[in-house]
Amino acid sequence: MAAGGKVSRRFHPDTREWWVVMDGQIRFEIENQEAFVATKGSMVQVPMQTIYGHGDHRRTASLRFEVNIAKTKTLYPKDVEPPKTPGINWIPVKLGRKPGPYDHGNKPTSISTS
């Protein structure tokens, strides 16, 4: 992510998503969690149906490894303008959404000690 970059708030209705910070620092804002800064070696995860956003920290570039299922659906809260994408017309929908839990001992973030 370039310096000053930001990923707008969004969520995935059917899948969890996770990242490993390979370089730099990324500030994460995850629904029902305190905002935090993930540094090199950190793993961050977000359960399905949980709104999140993230961006660079300290105005420096960062590198992340991002994992999700191919062709996963991405939805945006009503106060966020979805990206303009040729061939895609966004329509508003109402979803009975409940943020996913951090189950089985999972946490929003962990830092590698290696």
PDB file of N, CA and C in Angstrom:
ATOM      1  N   MET A   1       0.853  -1.164   0.000  1.00  0.00           N
ATOM      2  CA  MET A   1       0.000   0.000   0.000  1.00  0.00           C
ATOM      3  C   MET A   1       0.897   1.224   0.000  1.00  0.00           C
ATOM      4  N   ALA A   2       0.603   2.137  -0.892  1.00  0.00           N
ATOM      5  CA  ALA A   2       1.398   3.357  -0.984  1.00  0.00           C
ATOM      6  C   ALA A   2       1.189   4.223   0.257  1.00  0.00           C
ATOM      7  N   ALA A   3       2.149   5.085   0.523  1.00  0.00           N
ATOM      8  CA  ALA A   3       2.016   6.025   1.636  1.00  0.00           C
ATOM      9  C   ALA A   3       0.726   6.807   1.468  1.00  0.00           C
ATOM     10  N   GLY A   4      -0.045   6.936   2.540  1.00  0.00           N
ATOM     11  CA  GLY A   4      -1.317   7.644   2.492  1.00  0.00           C
ATOM     12  C   GLY A   4      -2.481   6.783   2.031  1.00  0.00           C
ATOM     13  N   GLY A   5      -2.224   5.513   1.693  1.00  0.00           N
ATOM     14  CA  GLY A   5      -3.269   4.621   1.196  1.00  0.00           C
ATOM     15  C   GLY A   5      -4.254   4.210   2.275  1.00  0.00           C
ATOM     16  N   LYS A   6      -5.465   3.876   1.825  1.00  0.00           N
ATOM     17  CA  LYS A   6      -6.507   3.479   2.766  1.00  0.00           C
ATOM     18  C   LYS A   6      -7.483   2.541   2.063  1.00  0.00           C
ATOM     19  N   VAL A   7      -7.974   1.545   2.792  1.00  0.00           N
ATOM     20  CA  VAL A   7      -9.029   0.650   2.312  1.00  0.00           C
ATOM     21  C   VAL A   7     -10.296   1.058   3.047  1.00  0.00           C
ATOM     22  N   SER A   8     -11.331   1.441   2.280  1.00  0.00           N
ATOM     23  CA  SER A   8     -12.571   1.911   2.890  1.00  0.00           C
ATOM     24  C   SER A   8     -13.247   0.800   3.685  1.00  0.00           C
ATOM     25  N   ARG A   9     -14.132   1.204   4.590  1.00  0.00           N
ATOM     26  CA  ARG A   9     -14.860   0.241   5.412  1.00  0.00           C
ATOM     27  C   ARG A   9     -15.678  -0.679   4.519  1.00  0.00           C
ATOM     28  N   ARG A  10     -15.688  -1.962   4.854  1.00  0.00           N
ATOM     29  CA  ARG A  10     -16.359  -3.002   4.071  1.00  0.00           C
ATOM     30  C   ARG A  10     -16.507  -4.247   4.899  1.00  0.00           C
ATOM     31  N   PHE A  11     -17.151  -5.263   4.338  1.00  0.00           N
ATOM     32  CA  PHE A  11     -17.206  -6.562   5.009  1.00  0.00           C
ATOM     33  C   PHE A  11     -17.525  -7.635   3.982  1.00  0.00           C
ATOM     34  N   HIS A  12     -17.296  -8.868   4.373  1.00  0.00           N
ATOM     35  CA  HIS A  12     -17.576 -10.029   3.540  1.00  0.00           C
ATOM     36  C   HIS A  12     -18.683 -10.827   4.230  1.00  0.00           C
ATOM     37  N   PRO A  13     -19.816 -11.056   3.543  1.00  0.00           N
ATOM     38  CA  PRO A  13     -20.942 -11.707   4.205  1.00  0.00           C
ATOM     39  C   PRO A  13     -20.744 -13.191   4.481  1.00  0.00           C
ATOM     40  N   ASP A  14     -19.865 -13.858   3.733  1.00  0.00           N
ATOM     41  CA  ASP A  14     -19.757 -15.318   3.826  1.00  0.00           C
ATOM     42  C   ASP A  14     -18.380 -15.848   4.216  1.00  0.00           C
ATOM     43  N   THR A  15     -17.381 -14.982   4.313  1.00  0.00           N
ATOM     44  CA  THR A  15     -16.020 -15.464   4.563  1.00  0.00           C
ATOM     45  C   THR A  15     -15.286 -14.562   5.538  1.00  0.00           C
ATOM     46  N   ARG A  16     -14.322 -15.143   6.220  1.00  0.00           N
ATOM     47  CA  ARG A  16     -13.412 -14.351   7.048  1.00  0.00           C
ATOM     48  C   ARG A  16     -12.274 -13.899   6.142  1.00  0.00           C
ATOM     49  N   GLU A  17     -11.530 -12.904   6.570  1.00  0.00           N
ATOM     50  CA  GLU A  17     -10.372 -12.442   5.809  1.00  0.00           C
ATOM     51  C   GLU A  17      -9.217 -12.253   6.772  1.00  0.00           C
ATOM     52  N   TRP A  18      -7.997 -12.457   6.269  1.00  0.00           N
ATOM     53  CA  TRP A  18      -6.843 -12.214   7.128  1.00  0.00           C
ATOM     54  C   TRP A  18      -5.668 -11.699   6.330  1.00  0.00           C
ATOM     55  N   TRP A  19      -4.734 -11.066   7.055  1.00  0.00           N
ATOM     56  CA  TRP A  19      -3.556 -10.444   6.470  1.00  0.00           C
ATOM     57  C   TRP A  19      -2.348 -10.750   7.330  1.00  0.00           C
ATOM     58  N   VAL A  20      -1.186 -10.759   6.686  1.00  0.00           N
ATOM     59  CA  VAL A  20       0.091 -10.775   7.393  1.00  0.00           C
ATOM     60  C   VAL A  20       0.822  -9.516   6.946  1.00  0.00           C
ATOM     61  N   VAL A  21       1.262  -8.724   7.896  1.00  0.00           N
ATOM     62  CA  VAL A  21       2.007  -7.507   7.582  1.00  0.00           C
ATOM     63  C   VAL A  21       3.451  -7.907   7.302  1.00  0.00           C
ATOM     64  N   MET A  22       3.867  -7.701   6.073  1.00  0.00           N
ATOM     65  CA  MET A  22       5.211  -8.090   5.645  1.00  0.00           C
ATOM     66  C   MET A  22       6.234  -6.973   5.867  1.00  0.00           C
ATOM     67  N   ASP A  23       5.762  -5.706   5.817  1.00  0.00           N
ATOM     68  CA  ASP A  23       6.648  -4.571   6.025  1.00  0.00           C
ATOM     69  C   ASP A  23       5.810  -3.345   6.362  1.00  0.00           C
ATOM     70  N   GLY A  24       6.361  -2.445   7.129  1.00  0.00           N
ATOM     71  CA  GLY A  24       5.666  -1.215   7.485  1.00  0.00           C
ATOM     72  C   GLY A  24       4.676  -1.422   8.622  1.00  0.00           C
ATOM     73  N   GLN A  25       3.732  -0.498   8.712  1.00  0.00           N
ATOM     74  CA  GLN A  25       2.723  -0.528   9.763  1.00  0.00           C
ATOM     75  C   GLN A  25       1.370  -0.209   9.150  1.00  0.00           C
ATOM     76  N   ILE A  26       0.334  -0.922   9.597  1.00  0.00           N
ATOM     77  CA  ILE A  26      -1.013  -0.712   9.087  1.00  0.00           C
ATOM     78  C   ILE A  26      -1.957  -0.535  10.273  1.00  0.00           C
ATOM     79  N   ARG A  27      -2.735   0.518  10.219  1.00  0.00           N
ATOM     80  CA  ARG A  27      -3.736   0.766  11.267  1.00  0.00           C
ATOM     81  C   ARG A  27      -5.037   0.088  10.846  1.00  0.00           C
ATOM     82  N   PHE A  28      -5.555  -0.789  11.696  1.00  0.00           N
ATOM     83  CA  PHE A  28      -6.800  -1.507  11.443  1.00  0.00           C
ATOM     84  C   PHE A  28      -7.900  -0.971  12.332  1.00  0.00           C
ATOM     85  N   GLU A  29      -9.079  -0.826  11.749  1.00  0.00           N
ATOM     86  CA  GLU A  29     -10.289  -0.489  12.490  1.00  0.00           C
ATOM     87  C   GLU A  29     -11.283  -1.610  12.210  1.00  0.00           C
ATOM     88  N   ILE A  30     -11.576  -2.404  13.227  1.00  0.00           N
ATOM     89  CA  ILE A  30     -12.451  -3.565  13.109  1.00  0.00           C
ATOM     90  C   ILE A  30     -13.637  -3.374  14.052  1.00  0.00           C
ATOM     91  N   GLU A  31     -14.811  -3.598  13.520  1.00  0.00           N
ATOM     92  CA  GLU A  31     -16.043  -3.438  14.300  1.00  0.00           C
ATOM     93  C   GLU A  31     -15.946  -4.189  15.627  1.00  0.00           C
ATOM     94  N   ASN A  32     -16.369  -3.531  16.702  1.00  0.00           N
ATOM     95  CA  ASN A  32     -16.384  -4.074  18.069  1.00  0.00           C
ATOM     96  C   ASN A  32     -14.998  -4.310  18.661  1.00  0.00           C
ATOM     97  N   GLN A  33     -13.956  -3.738  18.044  1.00  0.00           N
ATOM     98  CA  GLN A  33     -12.595  -3.842  18.566  1.00  0.00           C
ATOM     99  C   GLN A  33     -12.010  -2.437  18.651  1.00  0.00           C
ATOM    100  N   GLU A  34     -11.051  -2.243  19.544  1.00  0.00           N
ATOM    101  CA  GLU A  34     -10.326  -0.978  19.558  1.00  0.00           C
ATOM    102  C   GLU A  34      -9.394  -0.950  18.355  1.00  0.00           C
ATOM    103  N   ALA A  35      -9.266   0.214  17.713  1.00  0.00           N
ATOM    104  CA  ALA A  35      -8.338   0.353  16.589  1.00  0.00           C
ATOM    105  C   ALA A  35      -6.921   0.029  17.078  1.00  0.00           C
ATOM    106  N   PHE A  36      -6.115  -0.552  16.198  1.00  0.00           N
ATOM    107  CA  PHE A  36      -4.746  -0.901  16.575  1.00  0.00           C
ATOM    108  C   PHE A  36      -3.842  -0.812  15.355  1.00  0.00           C
ATOM    109  N   VAL A  37      -2.548  -0.744  15.617  1.00  0.00           N
ATOM    110  CA  VAL A  37      -1.545  -0.700  14.559  1.00  0.00           C
ATOM    111  C   VAL A  37      -0.849  -2.053  14.524  1.00  0.00           C
ATOM    112  N   ALA A  38      -0.880  -2.689  13.349  1.00  0.00           N
ATOM    113  CA  ALA A  38      -0.191  -3.965  13.150  1.00  0.00           C
ATOM    114  C   ALA A  38       1.151  -3.673  12.484  1.00  0.00           C
ATOM    115  N   THR A  39       2.191  -4.311  12.981  1.00  0.00           N
ATOM    116  CA  THR A  39       3.540  -4.092  12.464  1.00  0.00           C
ATOM    117  C   THR A  39       4.050  -5.351  11.759  1.00  0.00           C
ATOM    118  N   LYS A  40       5.220  -5.241  11.162  1.00  0.00           N
ATOM    119  CA  LYS A  40       5.828  -6.363  10.446  1.00  0.00           C
ATOM    120  C   LYS A  40       5.783  -7.627  11.303  1.00  0.00           C
ATOM    121  N   GLY A  41       5.280  -8.719  10.715  1.00  0.00           N
ATOM    122  CA  GLY A  41       5.184  -9.990  11.420  1.00  0.00           C
ATOM    123  C   GLY A  41       3.832 -10.234  12.071  1.00  0.00           C
ATOM    124  N   SER A  42       2.969  -9.214  12.102  1.00  0.00           N
ATOM    125  CA  SER A  42       1.640  -9.379  12.696  1.00  0.00           C
ATOM    126  C   SER A  42       0.701 -10.091  11.734  1.00  0.00           C
ATOM    127  N   MET A  43      -0.196 -10.902  12.287  1.00  0.00           N
ATOM    128  CA  MET A  43      -1.286 -11.493  11.525  1.00  0.00           C
ATOM    129  C   MET A  43      -2.572 -10.884  12.048  1.00  0.00           C
ATOM    130  N   VAL A  44      -3.440 -10.437  11.138  1.00  0.00           N
ATOM    131  CA  VAL A  44      -4.703  -9.810  11.510  1.00  0.00           C
ATOM    132  C   VAL A  44      -5.818 -10.577  10.823  1.00  0.00           C
ATOM    133  N   GLN A  45      -6.907 -10.817  11.534  1.00  0.00           N
ATOM    134  CA  GLN A  45      -8.046 -11.502  10.925  1.00  0.00           C
ATOM    135  C   GLN A  45      -9.348 -10.805  11.300  1.00  0.00           C
ATOM    136  N   VAL A  46     -10.314 -10.936  10.385  1.00  0.00           N
ATOM    137  CA  VAL A  46     -11.637 -10.352  10.586  1.00  0.00           C
ATOM    138  C   VAL A  46     -12.667 -11.431  10.276  1.00  0.00           C
ATOM    139  N   PRO A  47     -13.570 -11.729  11.207  1.00  0.00           N
ATOM    140  CA  PRO A  47     -14.615 -12.721  10.938  1.00  0.00           C
ATOM    141  C   PRO A  47     -15.598 -12.227   9.871  1.00  0.00           C
ATOM    142  N   MET A  48     -16.342 -13.160   9.284  1.00  0.00           N
ATOM    143  CA  MET A  48     -17.337 -12.783   8.289  1.00  0.00           C
ATOM    144  C   MET A  48     -18.368 -11.842   8.904  1.00  0.00           C
ATOM    145  N   GLN A  49     -18.927 -10.986   8.070  1.00  0.00           N
ATOM    146  CA  GLN A  49     -19.962 -10.011   8.422  1.00  0.00           C
ATOM    147  C   GLN A  49     -19.490  -8.954   9.410  1.00  0.00           C
ATOM    148  N   THR A  50     -18.187  -8.810   9.580  1.00  0.00           N
ATOM    149  CA  THR A  50     -17.623  -7.817  10.495  1.00  0.00           C
ATOM    150  C   THR A  50     -17.021  -6.687   9.669  1.00  0.00           C
ATOM    151  N   ILE A  51     -17.479  -5.471   9.908  1.00  0.00           N
ATOM    152  CA  ILE A  51     -17.012  -4.310   9.146  1.00  0.00           C
ATOM    153  C   ILE A  51     -15.593  -3.952   9.577  1.00  0.00           C
ATOM    154  N   TYR A  52     -14.737  -3.676   8.584  1.00  0.00           N
ATOM    155  CA  TYR A  52     -13.355  -3.292   8.868  1.00  0.00           C
ATOM    156  C   TYR A  52     -12.879  -2.279   7.821  1.00  0.00           C
ATOM    157  N   GLY A  53     -11.811  -1.623   8.134  1.00  0.00           N
ATOM    158  CA  GLY A  53     -11.100  -0.748   7.215  1.00  0.00           C
ATOM    159  C   GLY A  53      -9.661  -0.698   7.683  1.00  0.00           C
ATOM    160  N   HIS A  54      -8.753  -0.341   6.804  1.00  0.00           N
ATOM    161  CA  HIS A  54      -7.360  -0.203   7.223  1.00  0.00           C
ATOM    162  C   HIS A  54      -6.612   0.748   6.311  1.00  0.00           C
ATOM    163  N   GLY A  55      -5.502   1.239   6.823  1.00  0.00           N
ATOM    164  CA  GLY A  55      -4.681   2.169   6.060  1.00  0.00           C
ATOM    165  C   GLY A  55      -3.284   2.226   6.612  1.00  0.00           C
ATOM    166  N   ASP A  56      -2.425   2.936   5.859  1.00  0.00           N
ATOM    167  CA  ASP A  56      -1.041   3.019   6.307  1.00  0.00           C
ATOM    168  C   ASP A  56      -0.964   3.781   7.630  1.00  0.00           C
ATOM    169  N   HIS A  57       0.115   3.607   8.298  1.00  0.00           N
ATOM    170  CA  HIS A  57       0.345   4.287   9.573  1.00  0.00           C
ATOM    171  C   HIS A  57       1.659   5.031   9.438  1.00  0.00           C
ATOM    172  N   ARG A  58       1.697   6.246   9.899  1.00  0.00           N
ATOM    173  CA  ARG A  58       2.895   7.085   9.836  1.00  0.00           C
ATOM    174  C   ARG A  58       3.235   7.516   8.415  1.00  0.00           C
ATOM    175  N   ARG A  59       2.277   7.449   7.512  1.00  0.00           N
ATOM    176  CA  ARG A  59       2.452   7.933   6.138  1.00  0.00           C
ATOM    177  C   ARG A  59       3.648   7.318   5.417  1.00  0.00           C
ATOM    178  N   THR A  60       3.867   6.026   5.646  1.00  0.00           N
ATOM    179  CA  THR A  60       4.906   5.292   4.925  1.00  0.00           C
ATOM    180  C   THR A  60       4.255   4.108   4.212  1.00  0.00           C
ATOM    181  N   ALA A  61       4.876   3.634   3.181  1.00  0.00           N
ATOM    182  CA  ALA A  61       4.340   2.482   2.446  1.00  0.00           C
ATOM    183  C   ALA A  61       4.352   1.248   3.345  1.00  0.00           C
ATOM    184  N   SER A  62       3.433   0.321   3.053  1.00  0.00           N
ATOM    185  CA  SER A  62       3.399  -0.941   3.788  1.00  0.00           C
ATOM    186  C   SER A  62       3.162  -2.070   2.794  1.00  0.00           C
ATOM    187  N   LEU A  63       3.509  -3.265   3.210  1.00  0.00           N
ATOM    188  CA  LEU A  63       3.325  -4.446   2.373  1.00  0.00           C
ATOM    189  C   LEU A  63       2.579  -5.485   3.194  1.00  0.00           C
ATOM    190  N   ARG A  64       1.502  -6.032   2.611  1.00  0.00           N
ATOM    191  CA  ARG A  64       0.717  -7.030   3.324  1.00  0.00           C
ATOM    192  C   ARG A  64       0.419  -8.198   2.410  1.00  0.00           C
ATOM    193  N   PHE A  65       0.270  -9.364   3.002  1.00  0.00           N
ATOM    194  CA  PHE A  65      -0.166 -10.571   2.309  1.00  0.00           C
ATOM    195  C   PHE A  65      -1.610 -10.766   2.732  1.00  0.00           C
ATOM    196  N   GLU A  66      -2.524 -10.742   1.774  1.00  0.00           N
ATOM    197  CA  GLU A  66      -3.959 -10.781   2.061  1.00  0.00           C
ATOM    198  C   GLU A  66      -4.545 -12.092   1.558  1.00  0.00           C
ATOM    199  N   VAL A  67      -5.388 -12.725   2.381  1.00  0.00           N
ATOM    200  CA  VAL A  67      -5.960 -14.018   2.016  1.00  0.00           C
ATOM    201  C   VAL A  67      -7.475 -13.983   2.170  1.00  0.00           C
ATOM    202  N   ASN A  68      -8.155 -14.457   1.124  1.00  0.00           N
ATOM    203  CA  ASN A  68      -9.592 -14.681   1.159  1.00  0.00           C
ATOM    204  C   ASN A  68      -9.909 -15.667   0.052  1.00  0.00           C
ATOM    205  N   ILE A  69     -11.114 -16.142   0.019  1.00  0.00           N
ATOM    206  CA  ILE A  69     -11.551 -17.083  -1.006  1.00  0.00           C
ATOM    207  C   ILE A  69     -11.702 -16.343  -2.332  1.00  0.00           C
ATOM    208  N   ALA A  70     -11.325 -16.981  -3.443  1.00  0.00           N
ATOM    209  CA  ALA A  70     -11.458 -16.365  -4.767  1.00  0.00           C
ATOM    210  C   ALA A  70     -12.899 -15.952  -5.025  1.00  0.00           C
ATOM    211  N   LYS A  71     -13.062 -14.797  -5.614  1.00  0.00           N
ATOM    212  CA  LYS A  71     -14.371 -14.248  -5.999  1.00  0.00           C
ATOM    213  C   LYS A  71     -15.318 -14.061  -4.813  1.00  0.00           C
ATOM    214  N   THR A  72     -14.763 -13.808  -3.641  1.00  0.00           N
ATOM    215  CA  THR A  72     -15.608 -13.550  -2.475  1.00  0.00           C
ATOM    216  C   THR A  72     -16.413 -12.278  -2.679  1.00  0.00           C
ATOM    217  N   LYS A  73     -17.557 -12.205  -2.062  1.00  0.00           N
ATOM    218  CA  LYS A  73     -18.399 -11.010  -2.149  1.00  0.00           C
ATOM    219  C   LYS A  73     -17.882  -9.969  -1.165  1.00  0.00           C
ATOM    220  N   THR A  74     -17.879  -8.719  -1.608  1.00  0.00           N
ATOM    221  CA  THR A  74     -17.522  -7.608  -0.745  1.00  0.00           C
ATOM    222  C   THR A  74     -18.710  -6.659  -0.710  1.00  0.00           C
ATOM    223  N   LEU A  75     -19.156  -6.311   0.497  1.00  0.00           N
ATOM    224  CA  LEU A  75     -20.274  -5.394   0.681  1.00  0.00           C
ATOM    225  C   LEU A  75     -19.791  -4.182   1.465  1.00  0.00           C
ATOM    226  N   TYR A  76     -20.510  -3.066   1.303  1.00  0.00           N
ATOM    227  CA  TYR A  76     -20.122  -1.811   1.927  1.00  0.00           C
ATOM    228  C   TYR A  76     -21.266  -1.278   2.787  1.00  0.00           C
ATOM    229  N   PRO A  77     -20.950  -0.712   3.963  1.00  0.00           N
ATOM    230  CA  PRO A  77     -21.998  -0.094   4.771  1.00  0.00           C
ATOM    231  C   PRO A  77     -22.631   1.064   3.992  1.00  0.00           C
ATOM    232  N   LYS A  78     -23.846   1.441   4.358  1.00  0.00           N
ATOM    233  CA  LYS A  78     -24.575   2.444   3.587  1.00  0.00           C
ATOM    234  C   LYS A  78     -23.903   3.811   3.585  1.00  0.00           C
ATOM    235  N   ASP A  79     -23.044   4.103   4.539  1.00  0.00           N
ATOM    236  CA  ASP A  79     -22.371   5.402   4.561  1.00  0.00           C
ATOM    237  C   ASP A  79     -21.051   5.416   3.789  1.00  0.00           C
ATOM    238  N   VAL A  80     -20.736   4.329   3.078  1.00  0.00           N
ATOM    239  CA  VAL A  80     -19.503   4.237   2.297  1.00  0.00           C
ATOM    240  C   VAL A  80     -19.854   4.152   0.814  1.00  0.00           C
ATOM    241  N   GLU A  81     -19.215   4.964   0.000  1.00  0.00           N
ATOM    242  CA  GLU A  81     -19.411   4.937  -1.447  1.00  0.00           C
ATOM    243  C   GLU A  81     -18.601   3.781  -2.037  1.00  0.00           C
ATOM    244  N   PRO A  82     -19.262   2.783  -2.641  1.00  0.00           N
ATOM    245  CA  PRO A  82     -18.524   1.671  -3.256  1.00  0.00           C
ATOM    246  C   PRO A  82     -17.657   2.180  -4.411  1.00  0.00           C
ATOM    247  N   PRO A  83     -16.609   1.458  -4.745  1.00  0.00           N
ATOM    248  CA  PRO A  83     -15.725   1.909  -5.840  1.00  0.00           C
ATOM    249  C   PRO A  83     -16.463   1.874  -7.177  1.00  0.00           C
ATOM    250  N   LYS A  84     -16.126   2.808  -8.044  1.00  0.00           N
ATOM    251  CA  LYS A  84     -16.665   2.818  -9.404  1.00  0.00           C
ATOM    252  C   LYS A  84     -15.950   1.718 -10.184  1.00  0.00           C
ATOM    253  N   THR A  85     -16.701   0.723 -10.626  1.00  0.00           N
ATOM    254  CA  THR A  85     -16.136  -0.414 -11.342  1.00  0.00           C
ATOM    255  C   THR A  85     -16.909  -0.609 -12.641  1.00  0.00           C
ATOM    256  N   PRO A  86     -16.230  -0.549 -13.787  1.00  0.00           N
ATOM    257  CA  PRO A  86     -16.937  -0.741 -15.055  1.00  0.00           C
ATOM    258  C   PRO A  86     -17.684  -2.078 -15.081  1.00  0.00           C
ATOM    259  N   GLY A  87     -18.951  -2.035 -15.508  1.00  0.00           N
ATOM    260  CA  GLY A  87     -19.748  -3.251 -15.614  1.00  0.00           C
ATOM    261  C   GLY A  87     -20.455  -3.655 -14.333  1.00  0.00           C
ATOM    262  N   ILE A  88     -20.229  -2.925 -13.242  1.00  0.00           N
ATOM    263  CA  ILE A  88     -20.880  -3.259 -11.970  1.00  0.00           C
ATOM    264  C   ILE A  88     -21.757  -2.090 -11.550  1.00  0.00           C
ATOM    265  N   ASN A  89     -23.011  -2.373 -11.307  1.00  0.00           N
ATOM    266  CA  ASN A  89     -23.943  -1.389 -10.773  1.00  0.00           C
ATOM    267  C   ASN A  89     -24.301  -1.803  -9.355  1.00  0.00           C
ATOM    268  N   TRP A  90     -23.918  -0.989  -8.396  1.00  0.00           N
ATOM    269  CA  TRP A  90     -24.184  -1.273  -6.996  1.00  0.00           C
ATOM    270  C   TRP A  90     -25.636  -0.943  -6.684  1.00  0.00           C
ATOM    271  N   ILE A  91     -26.284  -1.786  -5.908  1.00  0.00           N
ATOM    272  CA  ILE A  91     -27.653  -1.523  -5.479  1.00  0.00           C
ATOM    273  C   ILE A  91     -27.725  -1.637  -3.961  1.00  0.00           C
ATOM    274  N   PRO A  92     -28.504  -0.756  -3.320  1.00  0.00           N
ATOM    275  CA  PRO A  92     -28.622  -0.854  -1.862  1.00  0.00           C
ATOM    276  C   PRO A  92     -29.485  -2.048  -1.466  1.00  0.00           C
ATOM    277  N   VAL A  93     -29.062  -2.739  -0.431  1.00  0.00           N
ATOM    278  CA  VAL A  93     -29.829  -3.860   0.111  1.00  0.00           C
ATOM    279  C   VAL A  93     -29.819  -3.750   1.632  1.00  0.00           C
ATOM    280  N   LYS A  94     -30.769  -4.379   2.253  1.00  0.00           N
ATOM    281  CA  LYS A  94     -30.813  -4.434   3.711  1.00  0.00           C
ATOM    282  C   LYS A  94     -30.451  -5.859   4.110  1.00  0.00           C
ATOM    283  N   LEU A  95     -29.491  -6.003   4.983  1.00  0.00           N
ATOM    284  CA  LEU A  95     -28.981  -7.307   5.376  1.00  0.00           C
ATOM    285  C   LEU A  95     -29.099  -7.444   6.888  1.00  0.00           C
ATOM    286  N   GLY A  96     -29.688  -8.529   7.340  1.00  0.00           N
ATOM    287  CA  GLY A  96     -29.747  -8.822   8.776  1.00  0.00           C
ATOM    288  C   GLY A  96     -28.386  -9.348   9.207  1.00  0.00           C
ATOM    289  N   ARG A  97     -27.433  -8.447   9.379  1.00  0.00           N
ATOM    290  CA  ARG A  97     -26.031  -8.787   9.613  1.00  0.00           C
ATOM    291  C   ARG A  97     -25.707  -8.783  11.093  1.00  0.00           C
ATOM    292  N   LYS A  98     -24.895  -9.724  11.493  1.00  0.00           N
ATOM    293  CA  LYS A  98     -24.374  -9.759  12.854  1.00  0.00           C
ATOM    294  C   LYS A  98     -22.876 -10.025  12.749  1.00  0.00           C
ATOM    295  N   PRO A  99     -22.027  -9.156  13.342  1.00  0.00           N
ATOM    296  CA  PRO A  99     -20.588  -9.387  13.253  1.00  0.00           C
ATOM    297  C   PRO A  99     -20.222 -10.783  13.735  1.00  0.00           C
ATOM    298  N   GLY A 100     -19.309 -11.426  13.018  1.00  0.00           N
ATOM    299  CA  GLY A 100     -18.868 -12.767  13.394  1.00  0.00           C
ATOM    300  C   GLY A 100     -18.047 -12.754  14.669  1.00  0.00           C
ATOM    301  N   PRO A 101     -18.060 -13.855  15.407  1.00  0.00           N
ATOM    302  CA  PRO A 101     -17.286 -13.919  16.654  1.00  0.00           C
ATOM    303  C   PRO A 101     -15.835 -14.324  16.401  1.00  0.00           C
ATOM    304  N   TYR A 102     -14.990 -13.992  17.334  1.00  0.00           N
ATOM    305  CA  TYR A 102     -13.624 -14.531  17.362  1.00  0.00           C
ATOM    306  C   TYR A 102     -13.714 -15.793  18.200  1.00  0.00           C
ATOM    307  N   ASP A 103     -13.872 -16.931  17.541  1.00  0.00           N
ATOM    308  CA  ASP A 103     -14.087 -18.182  18.253  1.00  0.00           C
ATOM    309  C   ASP A 103     -12.811 -19.036  18.298  1.00  0.00           C
ATOM    310  N   HIS A 104     -12.869 -20.127  18.997  1.00  0.00           N
ATOM    311  CA  HIS A 104     -11.770 -21.106  19.093  1.00  0.00           C
ATOM    312  C   HIS A 104     -10.445 -20.467  19.511  1.00  0.00           C
ATOM    313  N   GLY A 105     -10.494 -19.476  20.369  1.00  0.00           N
ATOM    314  CA  GLY A 105      -9.265 -18.853  20.861  1.00  0.00           C
ATOM    315  C   GLY A 105      -8.639 -17.852  19.909  1.00  0.00           C
ATOM    316  N   ASN A 106      -9.282 -17.574  18.779  1.00  0.00           N
ATOM    317  CA  ASN A 106      -8.747 -16.591  17.839  1.00  0.00           C
ATOM    318  C   ASN A 106      -8.847 -15.190  18.414  1.00  0.00           C
ATOM    319  N   LYS A 107      -7.959 -14.312  17.985  1.00  0.00           N
ATOM    320  CA  LYS A 107      -7.953 -12.920  18.383  1.00  0.00           C
ATOM    321  C   LYS A 107      -7.859 -12.071  17.122  1.00  0.00           C
ATOM    322  N   PRO A 108      -8.211 -10.770  17.197  1.00  0.00           N
ATOM    323  CA  PRO A 108      -8.095  -9.921  16.012  1.00  0.00           C
ATOM    324  C   PRO A 108      -6.678  -9.857  15.448  1.00  0.00           C
ATOM    325  N   THR A 109      -5.680  -9.861  16.326  1.00  0.00           N
ATOM    326  CA  THR A 109      -4.308  -9.777  15.845  1.00  0.00           C
ATOM    327  C   THR A 109      -3.374 -10.584  16.745  1.00  0.00           C
ATOM    328  N   SER A 110      -2.312 -11.051  16.143  1.00  0.00           N
ATOM    329  CA  SER A 110      -1.242 -11.709  16.896  1.00  0.00           C
ATOM    330  C   SER A 110       0.073 -11.302  16.258  1.00  0.00           C
ATOM    331  N   ILE A 111       1.122 -11.309  17.032  1.00  0.00           N
ATOM    332  CA  ILE A 111       2.434 -10.903  16.527  1.00  0.00           C
ATOM    333  C   ILE A 111       3.354 -12.098  16.585  1.00  0.00           C
ATOM    334  N   SER A 112       3.979 -12.344  15.464  1.00  0.00           N
ATOM    335  CA  SER A 112       4.918 -13.451  15.369  1.00  0.00           C
ATOM    336  C   SER A 112       6.150 -13.138  16.214  1.00  0.00           C
ATOM    337  N   THR A 113       6.667 -14.150  16.875  1.00  0.00           N
ATOM    338  CA  THR A 113       7.884 -13.951  17.679  1.00  0.00           C
ATOM    339  C   THR A 113       9.118 -14.453  16.941  1.00  0.00           C
ATOM    340  N   SER A 114       8.933 -14.956  15.728  1.00  0.00           N
ATOM    341  CA  SER A 114      10.111 -15.464  14.995  1.00  0.00           C
ATOM    342  C   SER A 114      10.697 -14.410  14.109  1.00  0.00           C
TER     343      SER A 114
END
